[in-house]
Amino acid sequence: MNQKLSRIHMGPARCAMDLTDGSERGEYVAQDYILRTLGRPMRSVNLMYCYYPLDETFPRRAREAFADRKVAFQWDYPYDDYFPYTGGLGGRRDGAVFEQIADIRRHGQDLTLTLTCDPNISDDHLIAIAEDLKPYGRVMLRLNHEATGNWFSFNKRASYAEVAQFFAHASEVIREHAPNVQTIICIGGIEDANAVEITREQEFACTIPAADIWSVDKYMALHWGWPYDTALRGGTSHSRGSYRETYEMTKRSFERFTQLNGGIPKPMVMSEFNADGDVTGPYDQCAMVDGFFRLLKEDEETWLSGINFYQFRDRGRLGLEIEDPANPDVGIPQPVMDTFKTWIQDPLFLPQMTDCGEASLPAALRWGGAEDAEGLALRVRLEGNPHFCELTFSDGGNYMIECGGRWFYKSPQTKFVDLMPAFFGRHIPRPCELTLRIFAPPADGKNDLNCPDGLMNSYTTITELPKLRIAYAPVEEDHD
């Protein structure tokens, strides 16, 4: 079988696609399940955690620590009802958050950590968080998001100016101790069609140069009263705009951020994006998501570097799946799942693959993150529709494998990968060339910091290619 081996580089998409996995509204879902469902990894996966170590009840989750408290709004607890961040000063690095980070990275994705925290914590706490995140390569830290709002606990413990100053200072401290971590400022931005300035611009102008990445959360429709009331026509606990209005205000936010930064742009992301099915129903939700993505694709200006879809599985209607109320481990796919799966295969959201010339074994594969990785491409002639297409490995490598736009995960203990899902629902009418791409993110999610460039890169040496079996007929034919 004729095979050609070359080096390949994976670079950023025109606009990256990220995904939130777990929050106050839903539990964490394993990356194996998400990859199998969506068919490709995301640029980054966002985790939602809180850190209030000065509170006596922390690190108990708010809903558990204050179970007897009468609550009429999601954020009525003394601190935010996110999963508690159990690292930090005096914390441990073997809890659920670190297991999830490893799960995300071994599946070829970067980490975005959304962390609400007490703005009164000392630098020692910030340094400890930086040291926690230091081994995990390219990390994006969204600290005290939606900071121009009034619902999170940190906004009730400090003034807006103090929250802004805390972010700017925390960015300096974290950058000094963990240069691999980029901070994201998430504020209201332009929130009115007639506005010239961003929301609370005077207080938060200092955060624009301090952040590595700018961000807004924009829901085209949202029921913020969930789960304590029902969104009904004429109600006051929900809203709905238009996808065009949302697009225009997000872009204007970026333009104003750039002005506040002396005309110098920085990466801009939408850290939370969706249309709430509680307001729109399942069909308009699809139409609004599709409409927004179409506007982005048609825009000749490249200004948005990433969109984080909120979220994979939700107890309400803000997810690609709804959590089954009879079994929280089961998800019920919504129509927006198909909309999302179609768009994430559009060139707009696909990472760029660049052929870097011929390769030979042994070969060192560099993993710098989902937007900077060096792998191998194996090109094989395909004669038609396969009945069997599979890989057998003899090594214990941790690999992400792409075949025909479909991605597969090979864990260190796995020896066999069935590639047939890449061909289901497709017809190959004539011989063509099949390309397999292999990348090697770190198996435990961590980089080796003893390596000279280990802060940003990890390396895996591959000495033998997997054996590829392709067959074009059943093992036994039907004799009827």
Protein backbone atom coordinates (compact mmCIF):
# COMPACT_ATOMS: atom_id res chain seq x y z
CA MET A 1 0.00 0.00 0.00
CA ASN A 2 1.51 3.30 -1.13
CA GLN A 3 1.92 5.69 1.80
CA LYS A 4 3.42 9.19 1.89
CA LEU A 5 4.53 10.68 5.19
CA SER A 6 4.95 14.41 5.79
CA ARG A 7 5.18 16.89 8.62
CA ILE A 8 2.18 19.09 9.20
CA HIS A 9 1.48 22.19 11.26
CA MET A 10 -1.87 22.99 12.85
CA GLY A 11 -2.49 26.71 13.25
CA PRO A 12 -5.37 28.98 14.28
CA ALA A 13 -8.70 29.13 12.52
CA ARG A 14 -9.98 32.44 11.19
CA CYS A 15 -12.28 32.29 14.23
CA ALA A 16 -11.76 29.63 16.89
CA MET A 17 -14.65 27.64 18.34
CA ASP A 18 -14.64 27.02 22.09
CA LEU A 19 -17.15 25.30 24.34
CA THR A 20 -18.20 25.59 27.98
CA ASP A 21 -18.43 22.27 29.80
CA GLY A 22 -20.21 22.46 33.17
CA SER A 23 -21.39 25.43 35.22
CA GLU A 24 -24.01 26.36 37.81
CA ARG A 25 -26.50 25.00 35.24
CA GLY A 26 -24.94 21.65 34.36
CA GLU A 27 -22.34 19.05 35.27
CA TYR A 28 -19.02 18.37 33.57
CA VAL A 29 -19.23 15.95 30.63
CA ALA A 30 -16.21 13.76 29.75
CA GLN A 31 -14.29 14.84 26.67
CA ASP A 32 -14.53 11.36 25.13
CA TYR A 33 -18.30 11.75 24.93
CA ILE A 34 -18.13 15.31 23.58
CA LEU A 35 -15.57 14.36 20.92
CA ARG A 36 -17.63 11.38 19.81
CA THR A 37 -20.75 13.56 19.66
CA LEU A 38 -19.28 16.60 17.88
CA GLY A 39 -16.71 14.80 15.74
CA ARG A 40 -13.89 17.28 16.35
CA PRO A 41 -12.10 18.92 19.28
CA MET A 42 -12.64 22.56 20.17
CA ARG A 43 -9.88 25.17 20.32
CA SER A 44 -10.52 25.52 24.06
CA VAL A 45 -12.89 24.16 26.69
CA ASN A 46 -14.14 26.57 29.36
CA LEU A 47 -14.57 25.49 32.99
CA MET A 48 -16.55 27.58 35.48
CA TYR A 49 -15.17 27.75 39.04
CA CYS A 50 -15.16 30.08 42.05
CA TYR A 51 -12.54 30.88 44.69
CA TYR A 52 -13.64 32.47 47.98
CA PRO A 53 -11.03 31.09 50.39
CA LEU A 54 -11.61 33.82 53.01
CA ASP A 55 -15.16 32.53 53.61
CA GLU A 56 -15.58 30.05 56.45
CA THR A 57 -17.77 27.66 54.43
CA PHE A 58 -15.47 27.52 51.38
CA PRO A 59 -14.65 25.19 49.58
CA ARG A 60 -18.12 23.76 50.03
CA ARG A 61 -20.31 24.56 47.06
CA ALA A 62 -22.73 27.40 47.80
CA ARG A 63 -25.88 25.37 47.13
CA GLU A 64 -24.69 22.78 49.65
CA ALA A 65 -23.23 25.12 52.26
CA PHE A 66 -26.43 27.21 52.30
CA ALA A 67 -28.99 24.53 51.48
CA ASP A 68 -31.43 25.89 54.08
CA ARG A 69 -31.27 29.45 52.72
CA LYS A 70 -34.30 30.75 50.83
CA VAL A 71 -33.09 31.63 47.36
CA ALA A 72 -35.15 33.34 44.64
CA PHE A 73 -32.33 34.06 42.19
CA GLN A 74 -29.34 32.03 41.05
CA TRP A 75 -26.82 34.43 42.62
CA ASP A 76 -28.51 35.01 46.01
CA TYR A 77 -25.92 32.92 47.85
CA PRO A 78 -23.10 34.55 49.88
CA TYR A 79 -20.67 33.44 47.17
CA ASP A 80 -21.14 32.27 43.59
CA ASP A 81 -22.68 28.84 43.04
CA TYR A 82 -19.94 27.54 40.74
CA PHE A 83 -17.82 24.48 41.36
CA PRO A 84 -15.32 25.40 44.12
CA TYR A 85 -11.73 25.80 42.95
CA THR A 86 -9.79 23.57 45.34
CA GLY A 87 -6.30 24.67 44.33
CA GLY A 88 -4.82 28.00 45.33
CA LEU A 89 -3.11 28.87 48.59
CA GLY A 90 -3.04 25.82 50.85
CA GLY A 91 -5.16 23.91 48.35
CA ARG A 92 -4.68 20.60 46.56
CA ARG A 93 -3.88 19.84 42.96
CA ASP A 94 -5.64 16.49 42.70
CA GLY A 95 -9.29 17.60 42.77
CA ALA A 96 -11.96 17.54 40.07
CA VAL A 97 -10.80 20.77 38.44
CA PHE A 98 -7.34 19.35 37.75
CA GLU A 99 -8.77 16.05 36.52
CA GLN A 100 -10.94 18.03 34.10
CA ILE A 101 -8.02 20.17 32.93
CA ALA A 102 -6.02 17.02 32.17
CA ASP A 103 -9.01 15.53 30.33
CA ILE A 104 -9.32 18.66 28.18
CA ARG A 105 -5.64 18.87 27.29
CA ARG A 106 -5.08 15.19 26.55
CA HIS A 107 -7.87 15.53 23.99
CA GLY A 108 -5.98 18.22 22.10
CA GLN A 109 -7.71 21.31 23.50
CA ASP A 110 -6.56 24.33 25.45
CA LEU A 111 -7.98 25.35 28.81
CA THR A 112 -10.07 28.40 29.52
CA LEU A 113 -10.65 28.76 33.25
CA THR A 114 -13.44 31.10 34.28
CA LEU A 115 -12.77 31.96 37.91
CA THR A 116 -14.85 34.25 40.09
CA CYS A 117 -12.94 35.13 43.22
CA ASP A 118 -12.93 37.41 46.22
CA PRO A 119 -11.20 40.66 45.19
CA ASN A 120 -9.81 40.89 48.72
CA ILE A 121 -7.46 37.91 48.40
CA SER A 122 -3.75 38.55 48.78
CA ASP A 123 -1.01 38.21 46.18
CA ASP A 124 -0.05 34.89 47.78
CA HIS A 125 -3.37 33.48 46.60
CA LEU A 126 -2.82 34.79 43.06
CA ILE A 127 0.71 33.38 42.97
CA ALA A 128 -0.59 29.99 44.12
CA ILE A 129 -3.22 29.99 41.32
CA ALA A 130 -0.52 30.91 38.80
CA GLU A 131 1.65 28.01 40.01
CA ASP A 132 -1.38 25.69 39.73
CA LEU A 133 -1.81 26.60 36.07
CA LYS A 134 1.84 26.77 35.08
CA PRO A 135 2.19 23.13 33.84
CA TYR A 136 -0.81 23.28 31.49
CA GLY A 137 0.62 25.07 28.48
CA ARG A 138 -1.53 27.71 26.81
CA VAL A 139 -4.14 28.71 29.41
CA MET A 140 -6.72 31.49 29.20
CA LEU A 141 -7.89 32.77 32.59
CA ARG A 142 -11.17 34.68 32.61
CA LEU A 143 -11.05 36.33 36.00
CA ASN A 144 -14.22 37.82 37.53
CA HIS A 145 -16.23 37.84 34.33
CA GLU A 146 -19.25 40.01 33.56
CA ALA A 147 -17.59 42.45 35.92
CA THR A 148 -19.81 45.38 35.01
CA GLY A 149 -22.86 43.49 36.29
CA ASN A 150 -24.25 43.36 39.82
CA TRP A 151 -25.04 39.67 40.35
CA PHE A 152 -21.73 38.03 41.26
CA SER A 153 -20.46 38.09 44.81
CA PHE A 154 -17.22 39.91 43.94
CA ASN A 155 -19.30 42.90 42.81
CA LYS A 156 -21.01 42.95 46.21
CA ARG A 157 -17.69 42.96 48.08
CA ALA A 158 -15.96 45.77 46.20
CA SER A 159 -16.75 48.82 44.08
CA TYR A 160 -16.54 48.63 40.30
CA ALA A 161 -13.30 50.59 40.38
CA GLU A 162 -11.85 48.17 42.93
CA VAL A 163 -12.92 45.15 40.88
CA ALA A 164 -11.23 46.67 37.83
CA GLN A 165 -8.05 47.47 39.76
CA PHE A 166 -7.99 43.95 41.18
CA PHE A 167 -8.16 42.49 37.66
CA ALA A 168 -5.32 44.70 36.41
CA HIS A 169 -3.14 43.85 39.40
CA ALA A 170 -3.97 40.13 39.27
CA SER A 171 -3.01 40.07 35.57
CA GLU A 172 0.43 41.45 36.42
CA VAL A 173 1.01 38.96 39.23
CA ILE A 174 -0.16 35.93 37.27
CA ARG A 175 1.79 36.95 34.15
CA GLU A 176 4.96 37.26 36.24
CA HIS A 177 4.64 33.80 37.79
CA ALA A 178 2.98 31.92 34.91
CA PRO A 179 3.80 33.56 31.55
CA ASN A 180 1.85 30.80 29.78
CA VAL A 181 -1.42 32.14 31.23
CA GLN A 182 -3.28 34.87 29.35
CA THR A 183 -5.92 36.86 31.21
CA ILE A 184 -9.32 37.66 29.70
CA ILE A 185 -11.24 40.75 30.71
CA CYS A 186 -14.97 40.14 30.31
CA ILE A 187 -17.12 43.24 30.69
CA GLY A 188 -20.34 44.59 29.24
CA GLY A 189 -18.87 46.42 26.27
CA ILE A 190 -21.30 48.34 24.07
CA GLU A 191 -24.75 47.42 25.36
CA ASP A 192 -26.91 50.04 23.68
CA ALA A 193 -27.26 50.89 20.02
CA ASN A 194 -26.79 54.60 20.78
CA ALA A 195 -23.88 54.18 23.17
CA VAL A 196 -20.43 55.51 22.34
CA GLU A 197 -18.65 54.29 25.45
CA ILE A 198 -18.55 50.82 26.94
CA THR A 199 -20.52 50.15 30.11
CA ARG A 200 -18.80 51.74 33.15
CA GLU A 201 -15.94 52.88 30.95
CA GLN A 202 -14.42 55.21 33.51
CA GLU A 203 -13.93 52.42 36.05
CA PHE A 204 -12.87 49.66 33.63
CA ALA A 205 -10.69 51.53 31.13
CA CYS A 206 -7.62 50.34 33.08
CA THR A 207 -8.48 46.68 32.38
CA ILE A 208 -8.22 47.03 28.59
CA PRO A 209 -4.42 47.42 28.43
CA ALA A 210 -4.00 45.05 31.39
CA ALA A 211 -5.72 42.08 29.73
CA ASP A 212 -4.20 39.82 27.09
CA ILE A 213 -7.61 39.11 25.58
CA TRP A 214 -10.81 41.19 25.41
CA SER A 215 -14.21 39.65 25.83
CA VAL A 216 -17.94 40.17 26.12
CA ASP A 217 -20.72 37.75 26.98
CA LYS A 218 -23.58 38.16 24.51
CA TYR A 219 -26.76 36.12 24.61
CA MET A 220 -29.12 36.88 21.75
CA ALA A 221 -31.89 35.73 24.10
CA LEU A 222 -31.63 34.90 27.79
CA HIS A 223 -33.89 33.80 30.63
CA TRP A 224 -31.90 34.95 33.66
CA GLY A 225 -34.73 34.05 36.04
CA TRP A 226 -34.09 30.34 35.43
CA PRO A 227 -34.70 28.06 37.32
CA TYR A 228 -36.83 30.07 39.77
CA ASP A 229 -39.52 31.15 37.34
CA THR A 230 -40.84 30.41 33.85
CA ALA A 231 -40.21 32.70 30.91
CA LEU A 232 -43.65 33.83 29.74
CA ARG A 233 -44.71 36.52 27.28
CA GLY A 234 -44.70 39.90 29.02
CA GLY A 235 -42.44 38.67 31.81
CA THR A 236 -39.52 40.63 33.26
CA SER A 237 -36.92 37.88 33.83
CA HIS A 238 -35.93 37.33 30.22
CA SER A 239 -34.97 39.25 27.08
CA ARG A 240 -34.60 38.76 23.37
CA GLY A 241 -32.71 40.79 20.83
CA SER A 242 -31.69 39.98 17.28
CA TYR A 243 -28.62 38.21 15.97
CA ARG A 244 -27.76 41.22 13.82
CA GLU A 245 -27.96 43.62 16.76
CA THR A 246 -25.85 41.26 18.86
CA TYR A 247 -23.24 41.04 16.12
CA GLU A 248 -23.05 44.80 15.64
CA MET A 249 -22.73 45.58 19.38
CA THR A 250 -20.03 42.93 19.82
CA LYS A 251 -18.03 44.36 16.94
CA ARG A 252 -18.48 47.90 18.24
CA SER A 253 -17.24 46.70 21.64
CA PHE A 254 -14.04 45.48 19.99
CA GLU A 255 -13.63 48.80 18.20
CA ARG A 256 -14.07 50.75 21.44
CA PHE A 257 -11.66 48.47 23.29
CA THR A 258 -9.12 49.16 20.53
CA GLN A 259 -9.60 52.91 20.91
CA LEU A 260 -9.08 52.63 24.67
CA ASN A 261 -5.86 50.72 23.97
CA GLY A 262 -4.35 53.52 21.92
CA GLY A 263 -5.53 52.07 18.61
CA ILE A 264 -3.71 48.76 19.14
CA PRO A 265 -5.99 45.72 18.79
CA LYS A 266 -5.82 42.57 20.89
CA PRO A 267 -7.57 39.21 20.46
CA MET A 268 -11.33 39.52 20.95
CA VAL A 269 -13.58 36.63 22.00
CA MET A 270 -17.20 36.06 22.89
CA SER A 271 -16.77 34.17 26.15
CA GLU A 272 -20.43 33.14 26.34
CA PHE A 273 -22.67 32.98 23.28
CA ASN A 274 -26.06 31.39 22.60
CA ALA A 275 -29.78 32.12 22.27
CA ASP A 276 -31.75 30.75 25.22
CA GLY A 277 -34.29 28.17 24.12
CA ASP A 278 -36.39 29.12 27.14
CA VAL A 279 -37.19 32.33 25.24
CA THR A 280 -36.88 31.38 21.59
CA GLY A 281 -37.97 27.74 21.55
CA PRO A 282 -35.78 25.17 19.78
CA TYR A 283 -36.28 26.36 16.19
CA ASP A 284 -35.65 30.08 16.55
CA GLN A 285 -32.62 29.16 18.65
CA CYS A 286 -31.18 27.41 15.60
CA ALA A 287 -32.08 30.29 13.30
CA MET A 288 -30.41 32.89 15.55
CA VAL A 289 -27.20 30.90 15.98
CA ASP A 290 -27.07 30.24 12.24
CA GLY A 291 -27.77 33.89 11.43
CA PHE A 292 -24.96 35.15 13.67
CA PHE A 293 -22.44 32.73 12.18
CA ARG A 294 -23.48 33.75 8.66
CA LEU A 295 -22.84 37.42 9.48
CA LEU A 296 -19.39 36.55 10.78
CA LYS A 297 -18.53 34.51 7.70
CA GLU A 298 -19.72 37.27 5.35
CA ASP A 299 -17.78 40.01 7.18
CA GLU A 300 -14.65 40.89 5.21
CA GLU A 301 -12.99 42.25 8.35
CA THR A 302 -11.28 39.73 10.61
CA TRP A 303 -11.84 41.04 14.12
CA LEU A 304 -13.22 38.17 16.23
CA SER A 305 -10.69 35.52 17.24
CA GLY A 306 -12.97 33.12 19.10
CA ILE A 307 -16.51 32.20 20.14
CA ASN A 308 -17.30 30.14 23.21
CA PHE A 309 -20.63 28.36 22.89
CA TYR A 310 -22.41 28.16 26.24
CA GLN A 311 -22.73 25.22 26.83
CA PHE A 312 -22.51 21.52 25.94
CA ARG A 313 -25.08 20.09 28.39
CA ASP A 314 -27.44 22.30 30.36
CA ARG A 315 -30.23 21.66 32.83
CA GLY A 316 -32.16 24.44 31.12
CA ARG A 317 -32.22 25.29 27.42
CA LEU A 318 -28.80 26.86 27.00
CA GLY A 319 -27.10 23.68 25.84
CA LEU A 320 -26.48 21.57 22.79
CA GLU A 321 -27.99 18.92 25.03
CA ILE A 322 -30.51 19.18 27.85
CA GLU A 323 -29.66 17.16 30.93
CA ASP A 324 -32.18 14.34 31.30
CA PRO A 325 -34.12 15.14 34.50
CA ALA A 326 -34.45 11.40 35.15
CA ASN A 327 -30.70 10.81 34.88
CA PRO A 328 -28.15 13.65 35.04
CA ASP A 329 -25.56 11.46 33.27
CA VAL A 330 -27.70 11.41 30.11
CA GLY A 331 -28.04 14.25 27.62
CA ILE A 332 -30.94 14.93 25.25
CA PRO A 333 -29.66 16.50 22.00
CA GLN A 334 -31.47 19.63 20.87
CA PRO A 335 -31.97 20.82 17.26
CA VAL A 336 -29.22 23.41 17.79
CA MET A 337 -26.79 20.48 18.06
CA ASP A 338 -27.12 19.85 14.32
CA THR A 339 -26.73 23.57 13.58
CA PHE A 340 -23.57 23.67 15.68
CA LYS A 341 -22.11 20.47 14.19
CA THR A 342 -22.62 21.81 10.67
CA TRP A 343 -20.92 25.13 11.41
CA ILE A 344 -17.89 23.72 13.23
CA GLN A 345 -16.97 21.97 9.97
CA ASP A 346 -17.08 25.25 8.06
CA PRO A 347 -13.65 26.61 7.01
CA LEU A 348 -14.40 29.69 9.15
CA PHE A 349 -13.96 27.62 12.31
CA LEU A 350 -11.46 24.96 11.20
CA PRO A 351 -7.79 25.12 12.26
CA GLN A 352 -5.36 25.70 9.42
CA MET A 353 -3.33 22.66 8.33
CA THR A 354 -0.02 23.40 6.58
CA ASP A 355 2.13 20.77 4.87
CA CYS A 356 5.73 21.22 6.00
CA GLY A 357 7.47 18.71 3.74
CA GLU A 358 8.52 15.09 3.87
CA ALA A 359 9.05 13.32 7.17
CA SER A 360 10.78 10.17 8.34
CA LEU A 361 10.84 8.17 11.55
CA PRO A 362 11.67 8.58 14.32
CA ALA A 363 9.90 11.94 14.46
CA ALA A 364 9.42 14.34 17.38
CA LEU A 365 5.89 15.73 17.51
CA ARG A 366 5.58 19.12 19.23
CA TRP A 367 2.38 20.11 21.01
CA GLY A 368 2.20 23.83 21.65
CA GLY A 369 -1.57 23.92 21.91
CA ALA A 370 -4.63 23.72 19.70
CA GLU A 371 -3.39 26.66 17.60
CA ASP A 372 0.26 25.64 17.31
CA ALA A 373 1.08 21.95 16.96
CA GLU A 374 3.35 19.87 14.73
CA GLY A 375 2.20 16.42 13.68
CA LEU A 376 2.44 13.85 10.92
CA ALA A 377 0.27 13.42 7.84
CA LEU A 378 -0.05 10.00 6.29
CA ARG A 379 -1.52 9.96 2.77
CA VAL A 380 -2.97 6.72 1.43
CA ARG A 381 -4.88 5.92 -1.75
CA LEU A 382 -8.51 5.00 -1.14
CA GLU A 383 -10.15 2.83 -3.80
CA GLY A 384 -13.78 3.42 -2.81
CA ASN A 385 -16.18 3.01 0.11
CA PRO A 386 -14.41 1.06 2.85
CA HIS A 387 -16.13 -1.60 4.90
CA PHE A 388 -13.22 -1.60 7.33
CA CYS A 389 -10.76 1.20 8.08
CA GLU A 390 -8.80 0.87 11.29
CA LEU A 391 -5.51 1.60 12.99
CA THR A 392 -3.52 -0.74 15.24
CA PHE A 393 -0.84 0.80 17.44
CA SER A 394 2.15 -0.88 19.03
CA ASP A 395 3.16 2.04 21.24
CA GLY A 396 1.68 3.74 24.29
CA GLY A 397 1.35 7.19 22.78
CA ASN A 398 -1.43 9.69 23.46
CA TYR A 399 -2.71 10.79 20.05
CA MET A 400 -5.39 12.88 18.41
CA ILE A 401 -6.09 11.57 14.90
CA GLU A 402 -7.98 13.34 12.12
CA CYS A 403 -9.43 11.49 9.13
CA GLY A 404 -11.70 13.18 6.61
CA GLY A 405 -12.67 15.94 9.03
CA ARG A 406 -13.52 13.47 11.82
CA TRP A 407 -11.28 13.33 14.88
CA PHE A 408 -10.48 10.31 17.05
CA TYR A 409 -8.72 9.98 20.40
CA LYS A 410 -6.15 7.28 21.11
CA SER A 411 -5.31 6.99 24.82
CA PRO A 412 -1.96 5.52 25.97
CA GLN A 413 -3.56 2.17 26.83
CA THR A 414 -5.54 1.93 23.57
CA LYS A 415 -4.13 -0.21 20.76
CA PHE A 416 -6.99 -0.03 18.24
CA VAL A 417 -8.85 2.89 16.67
CA ASP A 418 -11.81 2.29 14.35
CA LEU A 419 -11.91 5.06 11.74
CA MET A 420 -15.17 3.95 10.09
CA PRO A 421 -17.27 6.78 11.66
CA ALA A 422 -15.36 9.10 9.29
CA PHE A 423 -17.12 7.38 6.38
CA PHE A 424 -20.64 6.88 7.72
CA GLY A 425 -23.13 8.87 5.68
CA ARG A 426 -20.58 9.55 2.94
CA HIS A 427 -20.22 8.06 -0.54
CA ILE A 428 -16.86 7.76 -2.28
CA PRO A 429 -17.68 7.26 -5.98
CA ARG A 430 -14.11 6.96 -7.26
CA PRO A 431 -10.56 6.40 -6.02
CA CYS A 432 -9.12 9.27 -4.03
CA GLU A 433 -6.42 10.09 -1.51
CA LEU A 434 -7.03 9.55 2.20
CA THR A 435 -5.11 11.74 4.65
CA LEU A 436 -4.58 10.76 8.27
CA ARG A 437 -3.20 13.42 10.59
CA ILE A 438 -1.65 12.51 13.93
CA PHE A 439 -0.89 14.92 16.79
CA ALA A 440 0.42 14.15 20.27
CA PRO A 441 -0.89 16.29 23.16
CA PRO A 442 0.45 15.36 26.62
CA ALA A 443 -1.18 12.24 28.08
CA ASP A 444 -1.45 13.64 31.62
CA GLY A 445 -2.32 17.13 30.39
CA LYS A 446 0.93 18.59 31.74
CA ASN A 447 4.03 19.94 30.09
CA ASP A 448 7.49 19.01 31.35
CA LEU A 449 8.68 22.27 32.92
CA ASN A 450 12.24 20.90 33.04
CA CYS A 451 12.30 21.06 29.25
CA PRO A 452 13.92 24.32 27.99
CA ASP A 453 10.68 25.38 26.29
CA GLY A 454 8.38 23.26 28.44
CA LEU A 455 6.31 26.20 29.58
CA MET A 456 4.61 26.28 26.17
CA ASN A 457 5.52 22.98 24.47
CA SER A 458 5.49 19.25 25.06
CA TYR A 459 7.16 16.63 22.87
CA THR A 460 6.44 13.04 21.91
CA THR A 461 8.72 10.91 19.76
CA ILE A 462 6.99 8.47 17.46
CA THR A 463 9.18 5.62 16.22
CA GLU A 464 6.66 3.45 14.41
CA LEU A 465 3.51 4.25 12.47
CA PRO A 466 0.30 2.44 13.30
CA LYS A 467 -0.75 -0.36 10.98
CA LEU A 468 -3.58 0.70 8.70
CA ARG A 469 -6.12 -1.85 7.54
CA ILE A 470 -8.56 -0.91 4.76
CA ALA A 471 -10.96 -3.44 3.27
CA TYR A 472 -13.64 -2.79 0.65
CA ALA A 473 -15.95 -5.74 1.24
CA PRO A 474 -17.38 -7.71 4.17
CA VAL A 475 -15.23 -10.47 5.59
CA GLU A 476 -17.82 -12.95 4.31
CA GLU A 477 -20.16 -12.28 1.40
CA ASP A 478 -23.93 -12.94 1.44
CA HIS A 479 -24.60 -16.12 -0.55
CA ASP A 480 -28.40 -15.73 -0.81
